[in-house]
Amino acid sequence: LTYFLTFYIGHTALGGGSKDPFHRLKGWHELGAEVSNIL
């Protein structure tokens, strides 16, 4: 269920918001790529 929700919630209106239980886990890879390019 945990692995399923990881993918499912991202495609709902809750994805990425404060009510998304996986909020703290998302976006870091993309941020690292952006900072790498700037650096």
PDB file of all heavy atoms in Angstrom:
ATOM      1  N   LEU A   1       0.822  -1.206   0.000  1.00  0.00           N
ATOM      2  CA  LEU A   1       0.000   0.000   0.000  1.00  0.00           C
ATOM      3  C   LEU A   1       0.858   1.258   0.000  1.00  0.00           C
ATOM      4  O   LEU A   1       0.551   2.230  -0.707  1.00  0.00           O
ATOM      5  CB  LEU A   1      -0.917  -0.008   1.222  1.00  0.00           C
ATOM      6  CG  LEU A   1      -1.871   1.186   1.366  1.00  0.00           C
ATOM      7  CD1 LEU A   1      -2.851   1.221   0.195  1.00  0.00           C
ATOM      8  CD2 LEU A   1      -2.627   1.114   2.690  1.00  0.00           C
ATOM      9  N   THR A   2       1.933   1.243   0.768  1.00  0.00           N
ATOM     10  CA  THR A   2       2.822   2.402   0.839  1.00  0.00           C
ATOM     11  C   THR A   2       3.436   2.705  -0.517  1.00  0.00           C
ATOM     12  O   THR A   2       3.459   3.861  -0.974  1.00  0.00           O
ATOM     13  CB  THR A   2       3.934   2.160   1.868  1.00  0.00           C
ATOM     14  OG1 THR A   2       3.347   1.973   3.160  1.00  0.00           O
ATOM     15  CG2 THR A   2       4.899   3.340   1.916  1.00  0.00           C
ATOM     16  N   TYR A   3       3.939   1.661  -1.191  1.00  0.00           N
ATOM     17  CA  TYR A   3       4.533   1.875  -2.519  1.00  0.00           C
ATOM     18  C   TYR A   3       3.476   2.314  -3.533  1.00  0.00           C
ATOM     19  O   TYR A   3       3.751   3.150  -4.403  1.00  0.00           O
ATOM     20  CB  TYR A   3       5.224   0.596  -2.993  1.00  0.00           C
ATOM     21  CG  TYR A   3       6.551   0.352  -2.328  1.00  0.00           C
ATOM     22  CD1 TYR A   3       6.709  -0.609  -1.336  1.00  0.00           C
ATOM     23  CD2 TYR A   3       7.682   1.097  -2.704  1.00  0.00           C
ATOM     24  CE1 TYR A   3       7.922  -0.817  -0.721  1.00  0.00           C
ATOM     25  CE2 TYR A   3       8.908   0.891  -2.101  1.00  0.00           C
ATOM     26  CZ  TYR A   3       9.032  -0.072  -1.105  1.00  0.00           C
ATOM     27  OH  TYR A   3      10.242  -0.274  -0.501  1.00  0.00           O
ATOM     28  N   PHE A   4       2.285   1.771  -3.418  1.00  0.00           N
ATOM     29  CA  PHE A   4       1.204   2.150  -4.337  1.00  0.00           C
ATOM     30  C   PHE A   4       0.827   3.617  -4.153  1.00  0.00           C
ATOM     31  O   PHE A   4       0.674   4.357  -5.125  1.00  0.00           O
ATOM     32  CB  PHE A   4      -0.016   1.253  -4.114  1.00  0.00           C
ATOM     33  CG  PHE A   4      -1.241   1.706  -4.848  1.00  0.00           C
ATOM     34  CD1 PHE A   4      -1.359   1.522  -6.217  1.00  0.00           C
ATOM     35  CD2 PHE A   4      -2.279   2.337  -4.171  1.00  0.00           C
ATOM     36  CE1 PHE A   4      -2.493   1.955  -6.900  1.00  0.00           C
ATOM     37  CE2 PHE A   4      -3.415   2.770  -4.837  1.00  0.00           C
ATOM     38  CZ  PHE A   4      -3.514   2.576  -6.209  1.00  0.00           C
ATOM     39  N   LEU A   5       0.675   4.030  -2.880  1.00  0.00           N
ATOM     40  CA  LEU A   5       0.278   5.405  -2.613  1.00  0.00           C
ATOM     41  C   LEU A   5       1.329   6.402  -3.071  1.00  0.00           C
ATOM     42  O   LEU A   5       1.007   7.534  -3.440  1.00  0.00           O
ATOM     43  CB  LEU A   5       0.003   5.580  -1.107  1.00  0.00           C
ATOM     44  CG  LEU A   5      -1.257   4.906  -0.571  1.00  0.00           C
ATOM     45  CD1 LEU A   5      -1.356   5.090   0.934  1.00  0.00           C
ATOM     46  CD2 LEU A   5      -2.501   5.448  -1.255  1.00  0.00           C
ATOM     47  N   THR A   6       2.603   5.987  -3.036  1.00  0.00           N
ATOM     48  CA  THR A   6       3.682   6.866  -3.492  1.00  0.00           C
ATOM     49  C   THR A   6       3.427   7.334  -4.919  1.00  0.00           C
ATOM     50  O   THR A   6       3.631   8.513  -5.252  1.00  0.00           O
ATOM     51  CB  THR A   6       5.035   6.142  -3.414  1.00  0.00           C
ATOM     52  OG1 THR A   6       5.259   5.700  -2.077  1.00  0.00           O
ATOM     53  CG2 THR A   6       6.164   7.053  -3.839  1.00  0.00           C
ATOM     54  N   PHE A   7       2.988   6.416  -5.764  1.00  0.00           N
ATOM     55  CA  PHE A   7       2.725   6.761  -7.162  1.00  0.00           C
ATOM     56  C   PHE A   7       1.320   7.336  -7.347  1.00  0.00           C
ATOM     57  O   PHE A   7       1.128   8.266  -8.136  1.00  0.00           O
ATOM     58  CB  PHE A   7       2.895   5.513  -8.046  1.00  0.00           C
ATOM     59  CG  PHE A   7       4.285   4.959  -8.031  1.00  0.00           C
ATOM     60  CD1 PHE A   7       4.609   3.880  -7.238  1.00  0.00           C
ATOM     61  CD2 PHE A   7       5.276   5.534  -8.814  1.00  0.00           C
ATOM     62  CE1 PHE A   7       5.895   3.368  -7.224  1.00  0.00           C
ATOM     63  CE2 PHE A   7       6.568   5.033  -8.808  1.00  0.00           C
ATOM     64  CZ  PHE A   7       6.882   3.945  -8.008  1.00  0.00           C
ATOM     65  N   TYR A   8       0.355   6.812  -6.616  1.00  0.00           N
ATOM     66  CA  TYR A   8      -1.036   7.208  -6.823  1.00  0.00           C
ATOM     67  C   TYR A   8      -1.298   8.662  -6.395  1.00  0.00           C
ATOM     68  O   TYR A   8      -1.896   9.436  -7.149  1.00  0.00           O
ATOM     69  CB  TYR A   8      -1.967   6.276  -6.048  1.00  0.00           C
ATOM     70  CG  TYR A   8      -3.410   6.699  -6.074  1.00  0.00           C
ATOM     71  CD1 TYR A   8      -4.183   6.539  -7.227  1.00  0.00           C
ATOM     72  CD2 TYR A   8      -4.014   7.279  -4.953  1.00  0.00           C
ATOM     73  CE1 TYR A   8      -5.507   6.954  -7.262  1.00  0.00           C
ATOM     74  CE2 TYR A   8      -5.343   7.687  -4.981  1.00  0.00           C
ATOM     75  CZ  TYR A   8      -6.072   7.521  -6.134  1.00  0.00           C
ATOM     76  OH  TYR A   8      -7.382   7.927  -6.171  1.00  0.00           O
ATOM     77  N   ILE A   9      -0.830   9.019  -5.203  1.00  0.00           N
ATOM     78  CA  ILE A   9      -1.118  10.361  -4.685  1.00  0.00           C
ATOM     79  C   ILE A   9      -0.500  11.438  -5.564  1.00  0.00           C
ATOM     80  O   ILE A   9      -1.040  12.533  -5.695  1.00  0.00           O
ATOM     81  CB  ILE A   9      -0.627  10.484  -3.225  1.00  0.00           C
ATOM     82  CG1 ILE A   9      -1.502   9.613  -2.324  1.00  0.00           C
ATOM     83  CG2 ILE A   9      -0.661  11.922  -2.760  1.00  0.00           C
ATOM     84  CD1 ILE A   9      -1.138   9.662  -0.867  1.00  0.00           C
ATOM     85  N   GLY A  10       0.604  11.116  -6.197  1.00  0.00           N
ATOM     86  CA  GLY A  10       1.239  12.087  -7.078  1.00  0.00           C
ATOM     87  C   GLY A  10       0.381  12.485  -8.264  1.00  0.00           C
ATOM     88  O   GLY A  10       0.608  13.528  -8.884  1.00  0.00           O
ATOM     89  N   HIS A  11      -0.629  11.684  -8.582  1.00  0.00           N
ATOM     90  CA  HIS A  11      -1.502  11.975  -9.709  1.00  0.00           C
ATOM     91  C   HIS A  11      -2.866  12.486  -9.256  1.00  0.00           C
ATOM     92  O   HIS A  11      -3.800  12.563 -10.050  1.00  0.00           O
ATOM     93  CB  HIS A  11      -1.699  10.719 -10.563  1.00  0.00           C
ATOM     94  CG  HIS A  11      -0.429  10.207 -11.167  1.00  0.00           C
ATOM     95  ND1 HIS A  11       0.179  10.812 -12.257  1.00  0.00           N
ATOM     96  CD2 HIS A  11       0.374   9.170 -10.828  1.00  0.00           C
ATOM     97  CE1 HIS A  11       1.280  10.157 -12.568  1.00  0.00           C
ATOM     98  NE2 HIS A  11       1.421   9.158 -11.717  1.00  0.00           N
ATOM     99  N   THR A  12      -2.974  12.849  -7.994  1.00  0.00           N
ATOM    100  CA  THR A  12      -4.216  13.403  -7.464  1.00  0.00           C
ATOM    101  C   THR A  12      -4.016  14.869  -7.109  1.00  0.00           C
ATOM    102  O   THR A  12      -2.904  15.411  -7.200  1.00  0.00           O
ATOM    103  CB  THR A  12      -4.677  12.634  -6.211  1.00  0.00           C
ATOM    104  OG1 THR A  12      -3.756  12.895  -5.132  1.00  0.00           O
ATOM    105  CG2 THR A  12      -4.722  11.136  -6.469  1.00  0.00           C
ATOM    106  N   ALA A  13      -5.089  15.502  -6.654  1.00  0.00           N
ATOM    107  CA  ALA A  13      -5.029  16.916  -6.276  1.00  0.00           C
ATOM    108  C   ALA A  13      -4.199  17.141  -5.023  1.00  0.00           C
ATOM    109  O   ALA A  13      -3.859  18.278  -4.693  1.00  0.00           O
ATOM    110  CB  ALA A  13      -6.441  17.457  -6.068  1.00  0.00           C
ATOM    111  N   LEU A  14      -3.863  16.060  -4.299  1.00  0.00           N
ATOM    112  CA  LEU A  14      -3.061  16.180  -3.078  1.00  0.00           C
ATOM    113  C   LEU A  14      -1.567  16.121  -3.353  1.00  0.00           C
ATOM    114  O   LEU A  14      -0.761  16.432  -2.472  1.00  0.00           O
ATOM    115  CB  LEU A  14      -3.421  15.049  -2.100  1.00  0.00           C
ATOM    116  CG  LEU A  14      -4.862  14.978  -1.605  1.00  0.00           C
ATOM    117  CD1 LEU A  14      -5.047  13.762  -0.710  1.00  0.00           C
ATOM    118  CD2 LEU A  14      -5.233  16.246  -0.853  1.00  0.00           C
ATOM    119  N   GLY A  15      -1.205  15.731  -4.561  1.00  0.00           N
ATOM    120  CA  GLY A  15       0.198  15.520  -4.876  1.00  0.00           C
ATOM    121  C   GLY A  15       1.078  16.732  -4.648  1.00  0.00           C
ATOM    122  O   GLY A  15       0.846  17.799  -5.209  1.00  0.00           O
ATOM    123  N   GLY A  16       2.100  16.558  -3.829  1.00  0.00           N
ATOM    124  CA  GLY A  16       3.063  17.622  -3.581  1.00  0.00           C
ATOM    125  C   GLY A  16       2.661  18.630  -2.537  1.00  0.00           C
ATOM    126  O   GLY A  16       3.458  19.488  -2.159  1.00  0.00           O
ATOM    127  N   GLY A  17       1.421  18.537  -2.030  1.00  0.00           N
ATOM    128  CA  GLY A  17       0.951  19.493  -1.034  1.00  0.00           C
ATOM    129  C   GLY A  17       1.272  19.058   0.380  1.00  0.00           C
ATOM    130  O   GLY A  17       1.866  18.001   0.614  1.00  0.00           O
ATOM    131  N   SER A  18       0.844  19.858   1.327  1.00  0.00           N
ATOM    132  CA  SER A  18       1.135  19.580   2.731  1.00  0.00           C
ATOM    133  C   SER A  18       0.437  18.314   3.224  1.00  0.00           C
ATOM    134  O   SER A  18       0.876  17.691   4.192  1.00  0.00           O
ATOM    135  CB  SER A  18       0.718  20.767   3.600  1.00  0.00           C
ATOM    136  OG  SER A  18      -0.682  21.034   3.440  1.00  0.00           O
ATOM    137  N   LYS A  19      -0.657  17.911   2.561  1.00  0.00           N
ATOM    138  CA  LYS A  19      -1.380  16.709   2.956  1.00  0.00           C
ATOM    139  C   LYS A  19      -0.863  15.454   2.257  1.00  0.00           C
ATOM    140  O   LYS A  19      -1.358  14.363   2.504  1.00  0.00           O
ATOM    141  CB  LYS A  19      -2.874  16.882   2.676  1.00  0.00           C
ATOM    142  CG  LYS A  19      -3.525  17.968   3.517  1.00  0.00           C
ATOM    143  CD  LYS A  19      -5.011  18.056   3.253  1.00  0.00           C
ATOM    144  CE  LYS A  19      -5.653  19.141   4.116  1.00  0.00           C
ATOM    145  NZ  LYS A  19      -7.118  19.253   3.873  1.00  0.00           N
ATOM    146  N   ASP A  20       0.108  15.634   1.397  1.00  0.00           N
ATOM    147  CA  ASP A  20       0.748  14.492   0.735  1.00  0.00           C
ATOM    148  C   ASP A  20       1.727  13.872   1.729  1.00  0.00           C
ATOM    149  O   ASP A  20       2.700  14.515   2.134  1.00  0.00           O
ATOM    150  CB  ASP A  20       1.491  14.976  -0.505  1.00  0.00           C
ATOM    151  CG  ASP A  20       2.116  13.834  -1.302  1.00  0.00           C
ATOM    152  OD1 ASP A  20       2.188  12.706  -0.772  1.00  0.00           O
ATOM    153  OD2 ASP A  20       2.537  14.079  -2.441  1.00  0.00           O
ATOM    154  N   PRO A  21       1.499  12.615   2.161  1.00  0.00           N
ATOM    155  CA  PRO A  21       2.393  12.015   3.162  1.00  0.00           C
ATOM    156  C   PRO A  21       3.824  11.837   2.666  1.00  0.00           C
ATOM    157  O   PRO A  21       4.730  11.600   3.471  1.00  0.00           O
ATOM    158  CB  PRO A  21       1.732  10.664   3.460  1.00  0.00           C
ATOM    159  CG  PRO A  21       0.883  10.375   2.275  1.00  0.00           C
ATOM    160  CD  PRO A  21       0.412  11.705   1.771  1.00  0.00           C
ATOM    161  N   PHE A  22       4.035  11.971   1.357  1.00  0.00           N
ATOM    162  CA  PHE A  22       5.371  11.800   0.798  1.00  0.00           C
ATOM    163  C   PHE A  22       5.977  13.134   0.365  1.00  0.00           C
ATOM    164  O   PHE A  22       6.924  13.164  -0.412  1.00  0.00           O
ATOM    165  CB  PHE A  22       5.310  10.828  -0.386  1.00  0.00           C
ATOM    166  CG  PHE A  22       4.670   9.515  -0.046  1.00  0.00           C
ATOM    167  CD1 PHE A  22       3.350   9.268  -0.378  1.00  0.00           C
ATOM    168  CD2 PHE A  22       5.376   8.542   0.638  1.00  0.00           C
ATOM    169  CE1 PHE A  22       2.748   8.069  -0.052  1.00  0.00           C
ATOM    170  CE2 PHE A  22       4.785   7.346   0.976  1.00  0.00           C
ATOM    171  CZ  PHE A  22       3.473   7.092   0.630  1.00  0.00           C
ATOM    172  N   HIS A  23       5.418  14.210   0.904  1.00  0.00           N
ATOM    173  CA  HIS A  23       5.864  15.562   0.548  1.00  0.00           C
ATOM    174  C   HIS A  23       7.372  15.731   0.778  1.00  0.00           C
ATOM    175  O   HIS A  23       8.070  16.295  -0.072  1.00  0.00           O
ATOM    176  CB  HIS A  23       5.087  16.583   1.383  1.00  0.00           C
ATOM    177  CG  HIS A  23       5.592  17.989   1.257  1.00  0.00           C
ATOM    178  ND1 HIS A  23       5.215  18.827   0.224  1.00  0.00           N
ATOM    179  CD2 HIS A  23       6.463  18.698   2.031  1.00  0.00           C
ATOM    180  CE1 HIS A  23       5.821  19.981   0.361  1.00  0.00           C
ATOM    181  NE2 HIS A  23       6.576  19.944   1.446  1.00  0.00           N
ATOM    182  N   ARG A  24       7.868  15.263   1.900  1.00  0.00           N
ATOM    183  CA  ARG A  24       9.277  15.471   2.254  1.00  0.00           C
ATOM    184  C   ARG A  24      10.230  14.687   1.357  1.00  0.00           C
ATOM    185  O   ARG A  24      11.428  14.947   1.348  1.00  0.00           O
ATOM    186  CB  ARG A  24       9.513  15.070   3.703  1.00  0.00           C
ATOM    187  CG  ARG A  24       8.787  15.936   4.719  1.00  0.00           C
ATOM    188  CD  ARG A  24       9.088  15.477   6.128  1.00  0.00           C
ATOM    189  NE  ARG A  24      10.501  15.576   6.433  1.00  0.00           N
ATOM    190  CZ  ARG A  24      11.070  15.089   7.535  1.00  0.00           C
ATOM    191  NH1 ARG A  24      10.331  14.450   8.416  1.00  0.00           N
ATOM    192  NH2 ARG A  24      12.355  15.223   7.745  1.00  0.00           N
ATOM    193  N   LEU A  25       9.702  13.712   0.611  1.00  0.00           N
ATOM    194  CA  LEU A  25      10.555  12.848  -0.202  1.00  0.00           C
ATOM    195  C   LEU A  25      10.656  13.304  -1.652  1.00  0.00           C
ATOM    196  O   LEU A  25      11.488  12.787  -2.399  1.00  0.00           O
ATOM    197  CB  LEU A  25      10.019  11.404  -0.176  1.00  0.00           C
ATOM    198  CG  LEU A  25       9.813  10.776   1.195  1.00  0.00           C
ATOM    199  CD1 LEU A  25       9.248   9.373   1.047  1.00  0.00           C
ATOM    200  CD2 LEU A  25      11.119  10.735   1.975  1.00  0.00           C
ATOM    201  N   LYS A  26       9.851  14.255  -2.043  1.00  0.00           N
ATOM    202  CA  LYS A  26       9.744  14.611  -3.450  1.00  0.00           C
ATOM    203  C   LYS A  26      10.542  15.864  -3.811  1.00  0.00           C
ATOM    204  O   LYS A  26      10.742  16.746  -2.995  1.00  0.00           O
ATOM    205  CB  LYS A  26       8.268  14.834  -3.821  1.00  0.00           C
ATOM    206  CG  LYS A  26       7.405  13.587  -3.706  1.00  0.00           C
ATOM    207  CD  LYS A  26       5.961  13.875  -4.092  1.00  0.00           C
ATOM    208  CE  LYS A  26       5.105  12.630  -4.032  1.00  0.00           C
ATOM    209  NZ  LYS A  26       3.693  12.914  -4.403  1.00  0.00           N
ATOM    210  N   GLY A  27      10.981  15.904  -5.070  1.00  0.00           N
ATOM    211  CA  GLY A  27      11.579  17.107  -5.635  1.00  0.00           C
ATOM    212  C   GLY A  27      13.072  17.254  -5.444  1.00  0.00           C
ATOM    213  O   GLY A  27      13.685  18.152  -6.045  1.00  0.00           O
ATOM    214  N   TRP A  28      13.685  16.395  -4.660  1.00  0.00           N
ATOM    215  CA  TRP A  28      15.101  16.592  -4.341  1.00  0.00           C
ATOM    216  C   TRP A  28      16.017  16.251  -5.515  1.00  0.00           C
ATOM    217  O   TRP A  28      17.031  16.927  -5.736  1.00  0.00           O
ATOM    218  CB  TRP A  28      15.474  15.772  -3.111  1.00  0.00           C
ATOM    219  CG  TRP A  28      14.682  16.145  -1.904  1.00  0.00           C
ATOM    220  CD1 TRP A  28      13.766  15.383  -1.244  1.00  0.00           C
ATOM    221  CD2 TRP A  28      14.716  17.404  -1.206  1.00  0.00           C
ATOM    222  NE1 TRP A  28      13.229  16.070  -0.185  1.00  0.00           N
ATOM    223  CE2 TRP A  28      13.798  17.317  -0.142  1.00  0.00           C
ATOM    224  CE3 TRP A  28      15.421  18.589  -1.387  1.00  0.00           C
ATOM    225  CZ2 TRP A  28      13.567  18.369   0.736  1.00  0.00           C
ATOM    226  CZ3 TRP A  28      15.198  19.637  -0.509  1.00  0.00           C
ATOM    227  CH2 TRP A  28      14.282  19.519   0.536  1.00  0.00           C
ATOM    228  N   HIS A  29      15.684  15.222  -6.253  1.00  0.00           N
ATOM    229  CA  HIS A  29      16.504  14.859  -7.413  1.00  0.00           C
ATOM    230  C   HIS A  29      16.504  16.003  -8.426  1.00  0.00           C
ATOM    231  O   HIS A  29      17.558  16.366  -8.987  1.00  0.00           O
ATOM    232  CB  HIS A  29      15.953  13.578  -8.045  1.00  0.00           C
ATOM    233  CG  HIS A  29      16.765  13.084  -9.203  1.00  0.00           C
ATOM    234  ND1 HIS A  29      16.564  13.529 -10.504  1.00  0.00           N
ATOM    235  CD2 HIS A  29      17.796  12.195  -9.265  1.00  0.00           C
ATOM    236  CE1 HIS A  29      17.435  12.932 -11.310  1.00  0.00           C
ATOM    237  NE2 HIS A  29      18.184  12.119 -10.589  1.00  0.00           N
ATOM    238  N   GLU A  30      15.324  16.576  -8.659  1.00  0.00           N
ATOM    239  CA  GLU A  30      15.212  17.691  -9.604  1.00  0.00           C
ATOM    240  C   GLU A  30      15.953  18.925  -9.101  1.00  0.00           C
ATOM    241  O   GLU A  30      16.603  19.638  -9.881  1.00  0.00           O
ATOM    242  CB  GLU A  30      13.740  18.020  -9.848  1.00  0.00           C
ATOM    243  CG  GLU A  30      12.949  16.940 -10.580  1.00  0.00           C
ATOM    244  CD  GLU A  30      12.544  15.777  -9.691  1.00  0.00           C
ATOM    245  OE1 GLU A  30      12.790  15.845  -8.459  1.00  0.00           O
ATOM    246  OE2 GLU A  30      11.979  14.791 -10.209  1.00  0.00           O
ATOM    247  N   LEU A  31      15.858  19.189  -7.803  1.00  0.00           N
ATOM    248  CA  LEU A  31      16.586  20.331  -7.238  1.00  0.00           C
ATOM    249  C   LEU A  31      18.085  20.129  -7.394  1.00  0.00           C
ATOM    250  O   LEU A  31      18.818  21.063  -7.748  1.00  0.00           O
ATOM    251  CB  LEU A  31      16.229  20.501  -5.764  1.00  0.00           C
ATOM    252  CG  LEU A  31      16.991  21.603  -5.022  1.00  0.00           C
ATOM    253  CD1 LEU A  31      16.672  22.971  -5.624  1.00  0.00           C
ATOM    254  CD2 LEU A  31      16.673  21.587  -3.532  1.00  0.00           C
ATOM    255  N   GLY A  32      18.549  18.914  -7.131  1.00  0.00           N
ATOM    256  CA  GLY A  32      19.973  18.624  -7.285  1.00  0.00           C
ATOM    257  C   GLY A  32      20.454  18.848  -8.706  1.00  0.00           C
ATOM    258  O   GLY A  32      21.554  19.367  -8.926  1.00  0.00           O
ATOM    259  N   ALA A  33      19.618  18.482  -9.693  1.00  0.00           N
ATOM    260  CA  ALA A  33      19.992  18.679 -11.094  1.00  0.00           C
ATOM    261  C   ALA A  33      20.062  20.163 -11.436  1.00  0.00           C
ATOM    262  O   ALA A  33      20.988  20.609 -12.139  1.00  0.00           O
ATOM    263  CB  ALA A  33      18.973  17.973 -11.994  1.00  0.00           C
ATOM    264  N   GLU A  34      19.101  20.941 -10.937  1.00  0.00           N
ATOM    265  CA  GLU A  34      19.100  22.388 -11.196  1.00  0.00           C
ATOM    266  C   GLU A  34      20.333  23.053 -10.588  1.00  0.00           C
ATOM    267  O   GLU A  34      21.004  23.869 -11.230  1.00  0.00           O
ATOM    268  CB  GLU A  34      17.828  23.013 -10.616  1.00  0.00           C
ATOM    269  CG  GLU A  34      16.555  22.678 -11.361  1.00  0.00           C
ATOM    270  CD  GLU A  34      16.363  23.530 -12.603  1.00  0.00           C
ATOM    271  OE1 GLU A  34      17.216  24.396 -12.867  1.00  0.00           O
ATOM    272  OE2 GLU A  34      15.368  23.313 -13.311  1.00  0.00           O
ATOM    273  N   VAL A  35      20.612  22.715  -9.337  1.00  0.00           N
ATOM    274  CA  VAL A  35      21.769  23.309  -8.658  1.00  0.00           C
ATOM    275  C   VAL A  35      23.065  22.864  -9.332  1.00  0.00           C
ATOM    276  O   VAL A  35      24.020  23.646  -9.450  1.00  0.00           O
ATOM    277  CB  VAL A  35      21.766  22.935  -7.167  1.00  0.00           C
ATOM    278  CG1 VAL A  35      23.057  23.390  -6.484  1.00  0.00           C
ATOM    279  CG2 VAL A  35      20.558  23.550  -6.468  1.00  0.00           C
ATOM    280  N   SER A  36      23.112  21.633  -9.815  1.00  0.00           N
ATOM    281  CA  SER A  36      24.309  21.145 -10.514  1.00  0.00           C
ATOM    282  C   SER A  36      24.594  21.981 -11.754  1.00  0.00           C
ATOM    283  O   SER A  36      25.748  22.336 -12.025  1.00  0.00           O
ATOM    284  CB  SER A  36      24.123  19.671 -10.907  1.00  0.00           C
ATOM    285  OG  SER A  36      24.002  18.846  -9.778  1.00  0.00           O
ATOM    286  N   ASN A  37      23.534  22.299 -12.512  1.00  0.00           N
ATOM    287  CA  ASN A  37      23.715  23.112 -13.718  1.00  0.00           C
ATOM    288  C   ASN A  37      24.207  24.518 -13.383  1.00  0.00           C
ATOM    289  O   ASN A  37      25.113  25.049 -14.043  1.00  0.00           O
ATOM    290  CB  ASN A  37      22.391  23.199 -14.488  1.00  0.00           C
ATOM    291  CG  ASN A  37      21.977  21.867 -15.084  1.00  0.00           C
ATOM    292  OD1 ASN A  37      22.827  21.023 -15.381  1.00  0.00           O
ATOM    293  ND2 ASN A  37      20.682  21.666 -15.266  1.00  0.00           N
ATOM    294  N   ILE A  38      23.604  25.118 -12.364  1.00  0.00           N
ATOM    295  CA  ILE A  38      24.029  26.466 -11.960  1.00  0.00           C
ATOM    296  C   ILE A  38      25.458  26.440 -11.449  1.00  0.00           C
ATOM    297  O   ILE A  38      26.276  27.306 -11.782  1.00  0.00           O
ATOM    298  CB  ILE A  38      23.078  27.020 -10.883  1.00  0.00           C
ATOM    299  CG1 ILE A  38      21.666  27.146 -11.432  1.00  0.00           C
ATOM    300  CG2 ILE A  38      23.576  28.372 -10.374  1.00  0.00           C
ATOM    301  CD1 ILE A  38      20.637  27.540 -10.389  1.00  0.00           C
ATOM    302  N   LEU A  39      25.768  25.442 -10.644  1.00  0.00           N
ATOM    303  CA  LEU A  39      27.109  25.334 -10.061  1.00  0.00           C
ATOM    304  C   LEU A  39      28.162  25.142 -11.147  1.00  0.00           C
ATOM    305  O   LEU A  39      29.254  25.716 -11.079  1.00  0.00           O
ATOM    306  CB  LEU A  39      27.135  24.163  -9.080  1.00  0.00           C
ATOM    307  CG  LEU A  39      28.354  24.030  -8.165  1.00  0.00           C
ATOM    308  CD1 LEU A  39      28.464  25.250  -7.254  1.00  0.00           C
ATOM    309  CD2 LEU A  39      28.249  22.762  -7.334  1.00  0.00           C
TER     310      LEU A  39
END
